[in-house]
């Protein structure tokens, strides 16, 4: 009996020991700390949640904003977003709690997506911009904007005389979050040269000048305005200026954008005539670079000052200031009413972009009125397309110039000492791989990058303009390389 009691007590002791061991040997896991992550990883509109879209669209981040394009005609006020965020985080859309599967209003300029960490201690705001359009085209523009830190872009694509795609991207004014439209005014930089060419060709067709007229000297159009005129200067004709073969700046740093030529001692822009005179003083005779004597007509040498001379020719012959002649005698024929000579920031027009500088440059220091013929124009991509319809040789829209004048503009100039075949009169042509058959031109100054092309072999035209100028490169090249390639690609896409 005693032995049985001992065994029972021992058994109970073992059981108790096992219980204590089990209770003490496996401690409860510590509870996890709430996450402080508040990251948006994806914003999209799926076709499954939005049957009317036809296909899904995903936002592309660029310069601190998330851009997303949905098909034409989609109701932006009733879109169901697909939002991916950090584990445990919650979301607010325009300061309202997000509920998956619920439609929200994404019309308007910019929408706030606030991601709040699970801990509640951290939140991040993301700004989303939604627009109609073609995601294939638009996503490439968004990536371009991000690669080159471009706040605002406008593109217009035309087939024949019909605009088939025209949109703004990003912001004309970042501070006010004013979305860009294809009617916003952008600085055109060197595309201004084609507007100056239109003025010269108008005077030609009116019989008021000949392209082979002498420019300087006693027999020149600008007789008596400039001094120290040499026989070299007297050899320069209007045609030489239009074809960049005057050699007026060969061997000089670009006088139009060199401080000592274009500014006085107080830092104020000098009159156009002073800029031209300073250039003539420093180029008194043909330039010999050791391989070629650069006299007038010899070879292609790009000259901004040459187009400043042309805009003075317009003023002297017409008796009007350059902008008035351009508007009244040229653009009015096309119904163009919102193209101007630009100015400084304080002179900005209500529908003109803000221009953003990179790497310490200051585009607002450029005196656009003094450089009007070379770099002064502000206009929109929609107006650019309309202008091209009046100079395309197609009678669908009556041209403002005769076929003979158009042929002179769009035929490569024959240089006396060069086989260069890529510039006519005021227009580029014969690109090695892009814009086949088209006349085209690009432009850039601080705060601006532009390109337009008219009437390719497939009868396509287009414009691509930016309100900033970048100086870096991506895998495709610099900003100009990318704009040229994209515009060519877009025109070919809409030709299909």
Protein backbone atom coordinates (compact mmCIF):
# COMPACT_ATOMS: atom_id res chain seq x y z
CA UNK A 1 0.00 0.00 0.00
CA UNK A 2 2.87 2.37 0.87
CA UNK A 3 4.55 1.48 -2.42
CA UNK A 4 1.37 2.34 -4.38
CA UNK A 5 1.13 5.71 -2.64
CA UNK A 6 4.79 6.39 -3.49
CA UNK A 7 4.27 5.55 -7.18
CA UNK A 8 1.18 7.74 -7.36
CA UNK A 9 3.03 10.64 -5.78
CA UNK A 10 5.96 10.16 -8.16
CA UNK A 11 3.66 10.11 -11.18
CA UNK A 12 1.96 13.30 -10.07
CA UNK A 13 5.35 14.93 -9.57
CA UNK A 14 6.46 13.99 -13.10
CA UNK A 15 3.26 15.35 -14.59
CA UNK A 16 3.62 18.57 -12.64
CA UNK A 17 7.25 18.90 -13.74
CA UNK A 18 6.29 18.39 -17.37
CA UNK A 19 3.58 21.02 -17.07
CA UNK A 20 5.95 23.51 -15.47
CA UNK A 21 8.60 22.80 -18.11
CA UNK A 22 6.09 23.21 -20.91
CA UNK A 23 4.81 26.44 -19.40
CA UNK A 24 8.28 27.92 -18.86
CA UNK A 25 10.28 26.44 -21.78
CA UNK A 26 8.24 28.00 -24.68
CA UNK A 27 7.82 31.75 -23.97
CA UNK A 28 5.11 33.67 -25.79
CA UNK A 29 6.47 35.58 -28.88
CA UNK A 30 6.84 39.34 -28.48
CA UNK A 31 4.17 41.31 -30.44
CA UNK A 32 5.55 42.94 -33.68
CA UNK A 33 6.02 46.70 -33.72
CA UNK A 34 3.61 48.48 -36.12
CA UNK A 35 5.33 49.36 -39.40
CA UNK A 36 6.47 52.92 -40.09
CA UNK A 37 6.52 52.33 -43.87
CA UNK A 38 4.23 54.58 -45.92
CA UNK A 39 5.14 53.91 -49.55
CA UNK A 40 2.98 53.92 -52.66
CA UNK A 41 4.32 51.20 -54.98
CA UNK A 42 1.62 51.13 -57.65
CA UNK A 43 -1.31 53.21 -58.81
CA UNK A 44 -3.42 51.86 -61.65
CA UNK A 45 -6.86 51.62 -63.19
CA UNK A 46 -7.53 48.00 -64.11
CA UNK A 47 -9.97 46.96 -66.81
CA UNK A 48 -11.49 44.42 -64.44
CA UNK A 49 -12.52 47.18 -62.02
CA UNK A 50 -13.24 49.67 -64.81
CA UNK A 51 -14.87 47.74 -67.66
CA UNK A 52 -15.32 50.90 -69.73
CA UNK A 53 -11.57 51.41 -70.08
CA UNK A 54 -10.99 48.42 -72.31
CA UNK A 55 -7.43 48.02 -71.04
CA UNK A 56 -5.58 48.67 -67.80
CA UNK A 57 -3.42 51.75 -67.21
CA UNK A 58 -0.62 52.16 -64.69
CA UNK A 59 0.82 55.45 -63.45
CA UNK A 60 4.36 56.50 -64.38
CA UNK A 61 6.31 58.49 -61.75
CA UNK A 62 8.03 61.62 -63.07
CA UNK A 63 9.55 64.52 -61.13
CA UNK A 64 7.58 63.90 -57.95
CA UNK A 65 4.22 63.33 -59.67
CA UNK A 66 2.48 60.15 -60.81
CA UNK A 67 1.03 60.48 -64.30
CA UNK A 68 -1.56 58.12 -65.74
CA UNK A 69 -3.42 58.12 -69.05
CA UNK A 70 -6.80 56.52 -69.74
CA UNK A 71 -8.49 56.11 -73.09
CA UNK A 72 -10.35 58.92 -74.81
CA UNK A 73 -13.90 59.35 -73.60
CA UNK A 74 -13.46 57.60 -70.25
CA UNK A 75 -15.40 59.21 -67.40
CA UNK A 76 -12.66 60.59 -65.14
CA UNK A 77 -15.17 61.29 -62.40
CA UNK A 78 -15.95 57.59 -61.87
CA UNK A 79 -12.74 55.58 -61.82
CA UNK A 80 -11.92 52.72 -59.48
CA UNK A 81 -8.21 52.82 -58.55
CA UNK A 82 -5.97 49.86 -57.78
CA UNK A 83 -3.54 51.08 -55.12
CA UNK A 84 -0.59 49.11 -53.70
CA UNK A 85 1.07 50.42 -50.53
CA UNK A 86 3.27 49.25 -47.66
CA UNK A 87 1.90 46.37 -45.52
CA UNK A 88 -0.56 47.61 -42.94
CA UNK A 89 -0.68 51.16 -44.33
CA UNK A 90 -3.94 52.95 -45.00
CA UNK A 91 -4.76 55.35 -47.84
CA UNK A 92 -6.63 58.60 -48.28
CA UNK A 93 -7.68 60.01 -51.67
CA UNK A 94 -8.05 63.77 -51.58
CA UNK A 95 -8.26 63.56 -47.77
CA UNK A 96 -11.03 60.95 -47.84
CA UNK A 97 -10.55 57.31 -46.70
CA UNK A 98 -9.86 54.93 -49.56
CA UNK A 99 -12.15 51.95 -49.91
CA UNK A 100 -11.05 49.28 -52.44
CA UNK A 101 -13.54 48.77 -55.24
CA UNK A 102 -15.04 52.25 -54.85
CA UNK A 103 -15.13 54.79 -57.70
CA UNK A 104 -13.55 58.20 -57.13
CA UNK A 105 -13.50 61.49 -59.04
CA UNK A 106 -10.16 61.94 -60.81
CA UNK A 107 -11.18 64.83 -63.02
CA UNK A 108 -9.43 68.14 -62.38
CA UNK A 109 -5.76 68.99 -62.11
CA UNK A 110 -3.98 67.12 -59.32
CA UNK A 111 -5.14 64.54 -56.78
CA UNK A 112 -3.60 63.68 -53.43
CA UNK A 113 -2.88 60.08 -52.47
CA UNK A 114 -1.83 60.02 -48.83
CA UNK A 115 -0.30 56.82 -47.49
CA UNK A 116 -0.39 56.52 -43.68
CA UNK A 117 1.92 53.99 -42.02
CA UNK A 118 0.46 51.23 -39.85
CA UNK A 119 2.04 52.91 -36.81
CA UNK A 120 0.30 56.18 -37.60
CA UNK A 121 3.62 57.93 -37.01
CA UNK A 122 4.46 58.58 -40.64
CA UNK A 123 2.65 59.51 -43.84
CA UNK A 124 3.66 60.38 -47.39
CA UNK A 125 1.68 62.35 -49.95
CA UNK A 126 1.77 61.40 -53.63
CA UNK A 127 0.31 63.61 -56.34
CA UNK A 128 -1.52 61.91 -59.19
CA UNK A 129 -2.45 63.49 -62.53
CA UNK A 130 -4.96 61.71 -64.76
CA UNK A 131 -5.63 62.58 -68.41
CA UNK A 132 -7.24 61.19 -71.52
CA UNK A 133 -5.05 60.05 -74.36
CA UNK A 134 -2.99 57.21 -75.74
CA UNK A 135 -0.96 55.46 -73.04
CA UNK A 136 1.59 54.15 -75.56
CA UNK A 137 2.50 57.72 -76.53
CA UNK A 138 2.00 59.34 -73.16
CA UNK A 139 4.06 56.89 -71.11
CA UNK A 140 7.06 57.62 -73.33
CA UNK A 141 6.56 61.35 -72.76
CA UNK A 142 6.33 60.82 -68.98
CA UNK A 143 9.57 58.83 -69.00
CA UNK A 144 11.24 61.54 -71.08
CA UNK A 145 10.09 64.20 -68.58
CA UNK A 146 11.52 62.19 -65.72
CA UNK A 147 14.84 61.51 -67.46
CA UNK A 148 15.42 65.18 -68.21
CA UNK A 149 13.59 66.87 -65.32
CA UNK A 150 11.12 68.61 -67.63
CA UNK A 151 8.09 70.11 -65.82
CA UNK A 152 5.90 70.67 -68.89
CA UNK A 153 5.63 69.32 -72.45
CA UNK A 154 3.25 69.94 -75.32
CA UNK A 155 2.99 67.81 -78.45
CA UNK A 156 0.79 68.01 -81.53
CA UNK A 157 0.72 65.50 -84.40
CA UNK A 158 -0.94 66.18 -87.74
CA UNK A 159 -1.81 63.94 -90.68
CA UNK A 160 -2.24 65.97 -93.82
CA UNK A 161 -4.07 69.04 -92.54
CA UNK A 162 -5.86 67.30 -89.66
CA UNK A 163 -4.47 67.32 -86.12
CA UNK A 164 -4.77 63.72 -84.89
CA UNK A 165 -3.19 64.02 -81.45
CA UNK A 166 -2.58 67.13 -79.36
CA UNK A 167 -1.95 67.17 -75.61
CA UNK A 168 -0.11 68.89 -72.83
CA UNK A 169 1.81 67.04 -70.11
CA UNK A 170 2.93 68.07 -66.67
CA UNK A 171 2.82 71.71 -65.67
CA UNK A 172 3.00 75.07 -67.38
CA UNK A 173 3.43 76.47 -63.86
CA UNK A 174 4.55 74.04 -61.17
CA UNK A 175 3.91 76.37 -58.21
CA UNK A 176 0.24 76.85 -59.09
CA UNK A 177 -0.07 73.27 -60.43
CA UNK A 178 -1.38 74.61 -63.73
CA UNK A 179 -1.52 71.65 -66.10
CA UNK A 180 0.01 72.15 -69.54
CA UNK A 181 -2.25 72.28 -72.60
CA UNK A 182 -1.40 72.38 -76.32
CA UNK A 183 -2.59 76.01 -76.31
CA UNK A 184 0.01 77.15 -73.79
CA UNK A 185 2.68 79.45 -75.19
CA UNK A 186 6.22 78.09 -75.20
CA UNK A 187 9.42 79.81 -76.19
CA UNK A 188 10.49 78.54 -79.58
CA UNK A 189 14.22 79.36 -79.42
CA UNK A 190 15.67 78.73 -82.92
CA UNK A 191 12.31 77.77 -84.39
CA UNK A 192 11.92 81.57 -84.42
CA UNK A 193 14.11 81.49 -87.54
CA UNK A 194 11.32 79.93 -89.58
CA UNK A 195 9.01 82.80 -88.57
CA UNK A 196 11.66 85.28 -89.71
CA UNK A 197 11.96 83.34 -92.96
CA UNK A 198 8.18 83.69 -93.47
CA UNK A 199 8.58 87.47 -93.16
CA UNK A 200 11.41 87.57 -95.70
CA UNK A 201 9.52 85.36 -98.15
CA UNK A 202 6.44 87.58 -97.79
CA UNK A 203 8.52 90.64 -98.73
CA UNK A 204 9.98 88.69 -101.64
CA UNK A 205 6.56 87.73 -102.98
CA UNK A 206 5.40 91.33 -102.61
CA UNK A 207 8.33 92.36 -104.83
CA UNK A 208 9.94 94.43 -102.08
CA UNK A 209 13.22 92.51 -102.01
CA UNK A 210 15.15 89.90 -103.95
CA UNK A 211 16.90 87.05 -102.16
CA UNK A 212 20.14 87.96 -103.91
CA UNK A 213 20.00 91.61 -102.81
CA UNK A 214 23.11 92.96 -101.12
CA UNK A 215 22.63 93.56 -97.38
CA UNK A 216 25.44 95.94 -96.32
CA UNK A 217 27.20 98.90 -97.97
CA UNK A 218 26.15 101.68 -100.31
CA UNK A 219 24.06 99.33 -102.44
CA UNK A 220 22.74 97.30 -99.52
CA UNK A 221 19.28 97.15 -97.98
CA UNK A 222 20.76 98.31 -94.66
CA UNK A 223 22.75 101.17 -96.19
CA UNK A 224 23.92 103.76 -93.69
CA UNK A 225 22.92 101.86 -90.55
CA UNK A 226 26.30 100.23 -89.87
CA UNK A 227 29.85 101.56 -90.20
CA UNK A 228 33.24 99.98 -90.97
CA UNK A 229 31.71 98.00 -93.82
CA UNK A 230 34.29 96.03 -95.81
CA UNK A 231 34.11 94.36 -99.24
CA UNK A 232 33.53 91.08 -97.40
CA UNK A 233 30.43 92.52 -95.73
CA UNK A 234 29.24 93.90 -99.06
CA UNK A 235 29.33 90.40 -100.56
CA UNK A 236 26.67 89.11 -98.16
CA UNK A 237 23.17 88.67 -99.59
CA UNK A 238 19.77 87.89 -98.09
CA UNK A 239 20.10 84.33 -99.41
CA UNK A 240 23.41 83.89 -97.62
CA UNK A 241 21.80 84.87 -94.31
CA UNK A 242 18.83 82.52 -94.81
CA UNK A 243 21.12 79.59 -95.66
CA UNK A 244 23.61 80.25 -92.83
CA UNK A 245 26.37 80.79 -95.39
CA UNK A 246 27.22 84.44 -94.65
CA UNK A 247 30.12 83.30 -92.39
CA UNK A 248 29.42 86.49 -90.44
CA UNK A 249 30.19 84.70 -87.15
CA UNK A 250 32.67 82.08 -88.32
CA UNK A 251 35.58 82.01 -85.90
CA UNK A 252 33.69 83.95 -83.21
CA UNK A 253 31.93 82.62 -80.15
CA UNK A 254 28.18 82.95 -80.75
CA UNK A 255 27.73 86.75 -80.45
CA UNK A 256 23.97 86.47 -79.84
CA UNK A 257 24.63 84.63 -76.57
CA UNK A 258 28.01 86.07 -75.57
CA UNK A 259 27.88 88.70 -72.82
CA UNK A 260 30.40 91.10 -74.38
CA UNK A 261 28.41 91.31 -77.61
CA UNK A 262 24.84 91.49 -76.34
CA UNK A 263 25.12 93.40 -73.03
CA UNK A 264 26.36 96.85 -72.05
CA UNK A 265 28.64 97.60 -69.11
CA UNK A 266 25.64 97.82 -66.77
CA UNK A 267 24.36 94.37 -67.72
CA UNK A 268 21.52 95.65 -69.90
CA UNK A 269 20.84 94.22 -73.36
CA UNK A 270 22.13 96.37 -76.20
CA UNK A 271 19.91 97.20 -79.20
CA UNK A 272 19.93 94.72 -82.06
CA UNK A 273 21.91 97.18 -84.19
CA UNK A 274 24.67 97.33 -81.57
CA UNK A 275 24.86 93.53 -81.44
CA UNK A 276 25.16 93.43 -85.23
CA UNK A 277 27.74 96.22 -85.34
CA UNK A 278 29.92 94.52 -82.72
CA UNK A 279 29.77 91.33 -84.78
CA UNK A 280 30.72 93.16 -87.99
CA UNK A 281 33.63 94.82 -86.18
CA UNK A 282 35.03 91.43 -85.19
CA UNK A 283 34.48 89.81 -88.57
CA UNK A 284 36.03 92.26 -91.02
CA UNK A 285 37.15 89.80 -93.67
CA UNK A 286 36.67 86.18 -94.73
CA UNK A 287 37.80 83.73 -92.09
CA UNK A 288 40.57 81.26 -92.94
CA UNK A 289 40.52 78.18 -90.71
CA UNK A 290 43.47 76.60 -92.49
CA UNK A 291 41.37 74.28 -94.61
CA UNK A 292 38.76 76.65 -96.03
CA UNK A 293 38.35 80.37 -96.61
CA UNK A 294 34.94 81.14 -95.17
CA UNK A 295 33.65 83.85 -97.45
CA UNK A 296 29.96 84.42 -98.13
CA UNK A 297 28.30 81.40 -99.72
CA UNK A 298 31.25 79.06 -99.19
CA UNK A 299 29.83 76.69 -96.57
CA UNK A 300 27.25 76.19 -93.85
CA UNK A 301 27.99 78.03 -90.58
CA UNK A 302 25.02 78.41 -88.23
CA UNK A 303 24.49 82.07 -87.29
CA UNK A 304 22.01 83.54 -84.82
CA UNK A 305 23.21 87.06 -85.60
CA UNK A 306 22.48 86.42 -89.26
CA UNK A 307 18.79 86.14 -88.39
CA UNK A 308 19.01 89.28 -86.26
CA UNK A 309 20.19 90.99 -89.46
CA UNK A 310 17.21 89.49 -91.31
CA UNK A 311 14.74 90.81 -88.76
CA UNK A 312 16.26 94.28 -89.20
CA UNK A 313 15.85 93.88 -92.96
CA UNK A 314 12.14 93.19 -92.36
CA UNK A 315 11.85 96.39 -90.32
CA UNK A 316 13.75 98.60 -92.76
CA UNK A 317 11.84 97.44 -95.85
CA UNK A 318 8.38 97.26 -94.25
CA UNK A 319 8.64 100.41 -92.16
CA UNK A 320 7.11 98.45 -89.24
CA UNK A 321 8.62 96.96 -86.13
CA UNK A 322 9.37 93.28 -86.62
CA UNK A 323 6.57 91.92 -84.41
CA UNK A 324 3.93 94.10 -86.07
CA UNK A 325 4.94 92.98 -89.56
CA UNK A 326 5.00 89.33 -88.50
CA UNK A 327 1.53 89.53 -86.97
CA UNK A 328 -0.19 91.83 -89.45
CA UNK A 329 1.37 90.84 -92.77
CA UNK A 330 2.14 87.14 -92.25
CA UNK A 331 0.32 85.41 -89.40
CA UNK A 332 -2.99 87.22 -89.93
CA UNK A 333 -3.25 85.51 -93.33
CA UNK A 334 -3.34 82.18 -91.48
CA UNK A 335 -5.74 83.21 -88.73
CA UNK A 336 -2.91 83.00 -86.16
CA UNK A 337 -3.61 85.46 -83.35
CA UNK A 338 -1.70 84.18 -80.32
CA UNK A 339 1.93 84.16 -81.47
CA UNK A 340 4.22 86.88 -80.12
CA UNK A 341 7.75 87.99 -79.37
CA UNK A 342 8.50 86.88 -75.83
CA UNK A 343 9.93 88.86 -72.98
CA UNK A 344 11.22 88.63 -69.44
CA UNK A 345 9.41 86.79 -66.66
CA UNK A 346 7.56 89.89 -65.52
CA UNK A 347 6.24 90.27 -69.09
CA UNK A 348 4.81 86.76 -69.16
CA UNK A 349 1.42 86.39 -70.86
CA UNK A 350 -1.50 84.75 -69.00
CA UNK A 351 -1.29 81.53 -71.05
CA UNK A 352 2.51 81.44 -71.28
CA UNK A 353 4.53 78.77 -69.50
CA UNK A 354 7.00 79.42 -66.75
CA UNK A 355 10.45 78.39 -68.01
CA UNK A 356 12.64 76.39 -65.65
CA UNK A 357 16.43 76.54 -65.66
CA UNK A 358 18.88 73.73 -65.00
CA UNK A 359 22.53 73.68 -63.96
CA UNK A 360 22.62 77.35 -62.99
CA UNK A 361 21.47 78.75 -66.35
CA UNK A 362 19.09 81.69 -66.59
CA UNK A 363 16.94 81.76 -69.70
CA UNK A 364 15.16 84.85 -68.47
CA UNK A 365 18.42 86.76 -68.97
CA UNK A 366 18.13 86.34 -72.74
CA UNK A 367 16.83 89.54 -74.41
CA UNK A 368 14.23 87.97 -76.69
CA UNK A 369 13.05 91.21 -78.26
CA UNK A 370 16.58 92.09 -79.36
CA UNK A 371 17.02 88.52 -80.67
CA UNK A 372 13.51 88.37 -82.15
CA UNK A 373 14.41 86.97 -85.57
CA UNK A 374 16.75 84.35 -84.16
CA UNK A 375 15.15 83.23 -80.88
CA UNK A 376 12.26 85.46 -79.79
CA UNK A 377 9.00 83.70 -80.76
CA UNK A 378 6.48 82.30 -78.28
CA UNK A 379 3.65 80.17 -79.66
CA UNK A 380 1.76 76.91 -79.09
CA UNK A 381 1.94 73.52 -80.74
CA UNK A 382 -1.65 73.84 -81.97
CA UNK A 383 -0.74 77.07 -83.77
CA UNK A 384 2.43 75.49 -85.12
CA UNK A 385 0.36 72.81 -86.83
CA UNK A 386 -1.94 75.40 -88.38
CA UNK A 387 1.04 77.36 -89.71
CA UNK A 388 2.44 74.25 -91.39
CA UNK A 389 -0.81 73.72 -93.32
CA UNK A 390 -0.27 77.08 -95.04
CA UNK A 391 3.21 76.12 -96.27
CA UNK A 392 2.90 72.49 -97.33
CA UNK A 393 2.19 72.61 -101.06
CA UNK A 394 -1.24 71.06 -100.44
CA UNK A 395 -4.22 73.05 -101.68
CA UNK A 396 -6.53 71.63 -99.00
CA UNK A 397 -5.55 74.76 -97.07
CA UNK A 398 -4.44 77.47 -99.54
CA UNK A 399 -0.74 78.20 -99.11
CA UNK A 400 0.42 81.74 -98.38
CA UNK A 401 3.41 81.28 -100.69
CA UNK A 402 3.72 80.26 -104.32
CA UNK A 403 5.07 76.82 -105.23
CA UNK A 404 8.24 78.55 -106.45
CA UNK A 405 8.85 80.18 -103.08
CA UNK A 406 8.15 76.95 -101.20
CA UNK A 407 10.62 75.15 -103.46
CA UNK A 408 13.30 77.75 -102.70
CA UNK A 409 12.75 77.35 -98.94
CA UNK A 410 12.73 73.57 -98.97
CA UNK A 411 15.56 72.87 -101.45
CA UNK A 412 19.02 72.31 -99.93
CA UNK A 413 21.25 75.28 -100.57
CA UNK A 414 24.25 74.74 -102.86
CA UNK A 415 27.36 75.99 -101.08
CA UNK A 416 30.31 76.96 -103.29
CA UNK A 417 32.91 75.04 -101.27
CA UNK A 418 30.88 72.38 -99.47
CA UNK A 419 28.67 69.42 -100.30
CA UNK A 420 26.51 69.92 -97.20
CA UNK A 421 22.90 69.14 -98.15
CA UNK A 422 20.89 69.56 -94.98
CA UNK A 423 19.82 73.20 -94.93
CA UNK A 424 17.64 75.18 -97.31
CA UNK A 425 16.44 78.71 -96.58
CA UNK A 426 15.52 78.91 -92.90
CA UNK A 427 14.71 75.18 -92.69
CA UNK A 428 16.61 71.97 -92.14
CA UNK A 429 15.98 68.89 -94.27
CA UNK A 430 17.50 65.54 -95.27
CA UNK A 431 17.99 64.20 -91.75
CA UNK A 432 20.15 61.08 -91.94
CA UNK A 433 17.47 58.82 -90.43
CA UNK A 434 14.43 60.81 -89.21
CA UNK A 435 11.65 62.96 -90.69
CA UNK A 436 12.12 61.54 -94.17
CA UNK A 437 10.96 64.07 -96.75
CA UNK A 438 10.17 66.70 -94.12
CA UNK A 439 11.41 70.21 -93.54
CA UNK A 440 12.15 70.57 -89.83
CA UNK A 441 13.99 72.57 -87.20
CA UNK A 442 14.84 72.41 -83.52
CA UNK A 443 15.73 75.01 -80.96
CA UNK A 444 17.09 75.35 -77.45
CA UNK A 445 18.09 78.04 -75.04
CA UNK A 446 18.16 77.89 -71.26
CA UNK A 447 14.64 76.96 -70.16
CA UNK A 448 13.47 75.79 -73.59
CA UNK A 449 13.82 72.83 -75.94
CA UNK A 450 11.79 72.52 -79.16
CA UNK A 451 11.41 70.59 -82.41
CA UNK A 452 8.91 70.65 -85.27
CA UNK A 453 8.73 68.82 -88.58
CA UNK A 454 6.45 69.40 -91.54
CA UNK A 455 5.17 67.08 -94.24
CA UNK A 456 7.15 63.85 -94.15
CA UNK A 457 6.96 61.38 -97.03
CA UNK A 458 3.92 59.94 -95.22
CA UNK A 459 2.31 63.43 -95.08
CA UNK A 460 2.82 63.65 -91.31
CA UNK A 461 3.80 66.73 -89.29
CA UNK A 462 4.41 67.33 -85.60
CA UNK A 463 5.79 69.50 -82.82
CA UNK A 464 7.33 68.64 -79.44
CA UNK A 465 8.20 71.49 -77.05
CA UNK A 466 9.39 71.74 -73.42
CA UNK A 467 9.53 74.44 -70.75
CA UNK A 468 13.00 73.47 -69.56
CA UNK A 469 16.35 72.59 -71.08
CA UNK A 470 18.40 69.68 -69.69
CA UNK A 471 22.13 69.04 -70.07
CA UNK A 472 22.34 65.37 -69.08
CA UNK A 473 21.92 62.23 -71.20
CA UNK A 474 20.17 58.89 -70.96
CA UNK A 475 20.77 55.68 -72.91
CA UNK A 476 19.31 57.29 -76.05
CA UNK A 477 21.41 60.45 -75.85
CA UNK A 478 20.78 64.05 -74.83
CA UNK A 479 17.45 65.84 -74.69
CA UNK A 480 17.55 66.81 -78.39
CA UNK A 481 18.29 63.25 -79.48
CA UNK A 482 15.33 62.00 -77.46
CA UNK A 483 12.93 64.64 -78.76
CA UNK A 484 13.88 63.96 -82.37
CA UNK A 485 13.47 60.22 -81.98
CA UNK A 486 10.19 60.47 -80.11
CA UNK A 487 8.61 62.95 -82.51
CA UNK A 488 9.57 60.79 -85.49
CA UNK A 489 8.20 57.70 -83.72
CA UNK A 490 4.93 59.40 -82.83
CA UNK A 491 4.34 60.66 -86.38
CA UNK A 492 4.93 57.18 -87.77
CA UNK A 493 2.63 55.66 -85.14
CA UNK A 494 -0.30 57.89 -86.08
CA UNK A 495 0.28 57.25 -89.77
CA UNK A 496 -0.69 53.57 -89.30
